C-alpha atoms as a PDB file:
ATOM      1  CA  MET A   1       5.787  -8.705  19.969  1.00  0.00           C
ATOM      2  CA  LEU A   2       2.185  -8.092  18.821  1.00  0.00           C
ATOM      3  CA  LYS A   3       1.485  -9.600  22.631  1.00  0.00           C
ATOM      4  CA  ARG A   4      -1.899  -8.051  22.838  1.00  0.00           C
ATOM      5  CA  THR A   5      -2.997  -9.211  19.881  1.00  0.00           C
ATOM      6  CA  LYS A   6      -2.625 -12.802  20.279  1.00  0.00           C
ATOM      7  CA  GLN A   7      -4.083 -12.003  23.771  1.00  0.00           C
ATOM      8  CA  PHE A   8      -7.447 -10.632  21.894  1.00  0.00           C
ATOM      9  CA  MET A   9      -6.603 -14.299  19.992  1.00  0.00           C
ATOM     10  CA  ASN A  10      -6.783 -16.371  23.167  1.00  0.00           C
ATOM     11  CA  SER A  11      -9.339 -15.022  24.584  1.00  0.00           C
ATOM     12  CA  ASN A  12     -11.503 -15.340  21.593  1.00  0.00           C
ATOM     13  CA  LYS A  13     -10.434 -18.525  21.630  1.00  0.00           C
ATOM     14  CA  TYR A  14      -8.707 -18.179  17.368  1.00  0.00           C
ATOM     15  CA  LYS A  15      -5.877 -20.622  16.596  1.00  0.00           C
ATOM     16  CA  TYR A  16      -2.884 -19.070  15.733  1.00  0.00           C
ATOM     17  CA  GLU A  17       0.584 -19.894  13.555  1.00  0.00           C
ATOM     18  CA  LYS A  18       3.656 -17.606  13.786  1.00  0.00           C
ATOM     19  CA  HIS A  19       6.541 -17.664  11.220  1.00  0.00           C
ATOM     20  CA  TYR A  20       9.527 -15.828  11.068  1.00  0.00           C
ATOM     21  CA  ILE A  21      11.024 -14.306   7.436  1.00  0.00           C
ATOM     22  CA  ARG A  22      14.414 -12.510   6.508  1.00  0.00           C
ATOM     23  CA  PRO A  23      14.173 -11.135   2.889  1.00  0.00           C
ATOM     24  CA  LEU A  24      17.090 -10.915   1.135  1.00  0.00           C
ATOM     25  CA  MET A  25      16.638  -8.325  -0.237  1.00  0.00           C
ATOM     26  CA  THR A  26      15.056  -5.494   1.836  1.00  0.00           C
ATOM     27  CA  PRO A  27      15.897  -4.217   5.164  1.00  0.00           C
ATOM     28  CA  GLU A  28      12.638  -5.197   6.798  1.00  0.00           C
ATOM     29  CA  SER A  29      12.247  -8.614   8.508  1.00  0.00           C
ATOM     30  CA  VAL A  30       8.529  -9.814   8.262  1.00  0.00           C
ATOM     31  CA  TYR A  31       6.754 -11.892  10.553  1.00  0.00           C
ATOM     32  CA  VAL A  32       3.531 -13.755   9.294  1.00  0.00           C
ATOM     33  CA  PHE A  33       0.760 -14.815  11.358  1.00  0.00           C
ATOM     34  CA  LYS A  34      -2.548 -17.222  11.189  1.00  0.00           C
ATOM     35  CA  PHE A  35      -5.344 -17.452  12.346  1.00  0.00           C
ATOM     36  CA  GLY A  36      -9.143 -18.573  12.458  1.00  0.00           C
ATOM     37  CA  LYS A  37     -11.769 -20.090  14.111  1.00  0.00           C
ATOM     38  CA  GLU A  38     -11.206 -23.627  12.767  1.00  0.00           C
ATOM     39  CA  ASP A  39      -9.120 -23.192   9.780  1.00  0.00           C
ATOM     40  CA  LEU A  40      -5.654 -20.349   9.726  1.00  0.00           C
ATOM     41  CA  ASN A  41      -7.193 -19.026   7.270  1.00  0.00           C
ATOM     42  CA  ASN A  42      -6.255 -15.220   7.653  1.00  0.00           C
ATOM     43  CA  ARG A  43      -3.406 -13.848   8.114  1.00  0.00           C
ATOM     44  CA  LEU A  44      -1.677 -10.687   9.243  1.00  0.00           C
ATOM     45  CA  ILE A  45       1.990  -9.231   7.526  1.00  0.00           C
ATOM     46  CA  ILE A  46       4.157  -7.963  10.210  1.00  0.00           C
ATOM     47  CA  LYS A  47       6.893  -5.463   8.222  1.00  0.00           C
ATOM     48  CA  TYR A  48       9.194  -4.538  11.104  1.00  0.00           C
ATOM     49  CA  SER A  49      12.672  -3.447  11.851  1.00  0.00           C
ATOM     50  CA  HIS A  50      15.169  -2.456  14.224  1.00  0.00           C
ATOM     51  CA  THR A  51      16.179   0.883  16.035  1.00  0.00           C
ATOM     52  CA  TRP A  52      20.152   2.314  16.389  1.00  0.00           C
ATOM     53  CA  THR A  53      19.367   1.450  19.835  1.00  0.00           C
ATOM     54  CA  GLY A  54      17.690  -2.178  18.845  1.00  0.00           C
ATOM     55  CA  ARG A  55      13.734  -1.328  19.477  1.00  0.00           C
ATOM     56  CA  ILE A  56      11.324  -3.160  17.188  1.00  0.00           C
ATOM     57  CA  LYS A  57       9.308  -0.343  14.462  1.00  0.00           C
ATOM     58  CA  ILE A  58       6.437  -0.959  13.160  1.00  0.00           C
ATOM     59  CA  ASN A  59       5.874  -0.122   9.623  1.00  0.00           C
ATOM     60  CA  GLU A  60       3.170  -1.680   8.881  1.00  0.00           C
ATOM     61  CA  ILE A  61       0.512  -4.106  10.064  1.00  0.00           C
ATOM     62  CA  ASP A  62      -1.494  -6.341   6.711  1.00  0.00           C
ATOM     63  CA  LEU A  63      -4.695  -8.100   7.554  1.00  0.00           C
ATOM     64  CA  ARG A  64      -5.938 -10.539   5.711  1.00  0.00           C
ATOM     65  CA  LEU A  65      -8.732 -12.335   6.177  1.00  0.00           C
ATOM     66  CA  HIS A  66     -10.252 -15.095   4.121  1.00  0.00           C
ATOM     67  CA  LYS A  67      -7.457 -14.314   1.499  1.00  0.00           C
ATOM     68  CA  GLN A  68      -7.958 -11.388   0.224  1.00  0.00           C
ATOM     69  CA  GLN A  69      -6.179  -9.995  -2.050  1.00  0.00           C
ATOM     70  CA  HIS A  70      -6.307  -6.750  -1.030  1.00  0.00           C
ATOM     71  CA  PRO A  71      -5.127  -6.096   2.765  1.00  0.00           C
ATOM     72  CA  ARG A  72      -6.280  -3.911   5.411  1.00  0.00           C
ATOM     73  CA  ILE A  73      -3.252  -1.768   6.208  1.00  0.00           C
ATOM     74  CA  PHE A  74      -2.851  -0.109   9.961  1.00  0.00           C
ATOM     75  CA  LYS A  75      -0.147   1.615  11.662  1.00  0.00           C
ATOM     76  CA  ARG A  76      -0.596   1.160  15.019  1.00  0.00           C
ATOM     77  CA  GLU A  77      -1.521  -2.556  17.336  1.00  0.00           C
ATOM     78  CA  SER A  78      -3.837  -0.717  18.875  1.00  0.00           C
ATOM     79  CA  ASP A  79      -5.525   0.002  15.189  1.00  0.00           C
ATOM     80  CA  LEU A  80      -5.946  -3.525  14.125  1.00  0.00           C
ATOM     81  CA  ILE A  81      -7.239  -4.373  17.613  1.00  0.00           C
ATOM     82  CA  LYS A  82      -9.743  -2.109  17.301  1.00  0.00           C
ATOM     83  CA  TYR A  83     -10.678  -3.853  13.959  1.00  0.00           C
ATOM     84  CA  LEU A  84     -10.977  -6.833  14.527  1.00  0.00           C
ATOM     85  CA  LYS A  85     -12.746  -6.263  17.960  1.00  0.00           C
ATOM     86  CA  GLN A  86     -15.629  -4.431  15.861  1.00  0.00           C
ATOM     87  CA  HIS A  87     -15.822  -7.951  13.155  1.00  0.00           C
ATOM     88  CA  VAL A  88     -16.010 -10.110  15.941  1.00  0.00           C
ATOM     89  CA  ASN A  89     -18.728  -8.615  17.446  1.00  0.00           C
ATOM     90  CA  GLN A  90     -21.030  -8.059  13.293  1.00  0.00           C
ATOM     91  CA  LYS A  91     -20.219 -11.910  13.120  1.00  0.00           C
ATOM     92  CA  THR A  92     -21.547 -12.456  16.803  1.00  0.00           C
ATOM     93  CA  LYS A  93     -24.473 -10.651  15.618  1.00  0.00           C
ATOM     94  CA  GLY A  94     -25.610 -12.615  12.798  1.00  0.00           C
ATOM     95  CA  ARG A  95     -24.458 -15.632  14.577  1.00  0.00           C
ATOM     96  CA  LEU A  96     -27.469 -14.837  16.716  1.00  0.00           C
ATOM     97  CA  LYS A  97     -30.050 -13.933  14.210  1.00  0.00           C
ATOM     98  CA  THR A  98     -29.104 -16.319  12.744  1.00  0.00           C
ATOM     99  CA  ASN A  99     -30.140 -18.509  15.475  1.00  0.00           C
ATOM    100  CA  LYS A 100     -32.784 -16.537  16.494  1.00  0.00           C
ATOM    101  CA  ILE A 101     -31.296 -15.814  19.540  1.00  0.00           C
ATOM    102  CA  GLU A 102     -31.848 -12.494  21.764  1.00  0.00           C
ATOM    103  CA  PRO A 103     -29.098 -11.012  23.457  1.00  0.00           C
ATOM    104  CA  ASP A 104     -30.685 -10.574  27.960  1.00  0.00           C
ATOM    105  CA  GLU A 105     -32.129  -7.784  28.061  1.00  0.00           C
ATOM    106  CA  LYS A 106     -32.430  -6.121  32.326  1.00  0.00           C
ATOM    107  CA  LYS A 107     -34.783  -7.305  34.113  1.00  0.00           C
ATOM    108  CA  GLU A 108     -36.749  -5.011  36.011  1.00  0.00           C
ATOM    109  CA  SER A 109     -37.320  -5.195  39.634  1.00  0.00           C
ATOM    110  CA  LYS A 110     -40.748  -3.899  41.185  1.00  0.00           C
END
């Protein structure tokens, strides 16, 4: 489950932990995925169920960055990865501006 998300985390050097929770009152199973660069202060809460054929069906993915109260909710893993890539790109652009490092420009050859 969430193979592409785990690959994204490994390629961007995020640490992560995963936990499985089976709530008593709901038919959905819950998978908690904590991640972060240094501290594991971000988390994904994946609510899923099984179809009658035994396949896993993801009902919703809640993303809480830096212990937010109101999560961002995604229906598909691809939407989640697109958001995470955008968020990581914004952070790296901010670091480049604070360190006054300019991205490499293409060199023109004569």
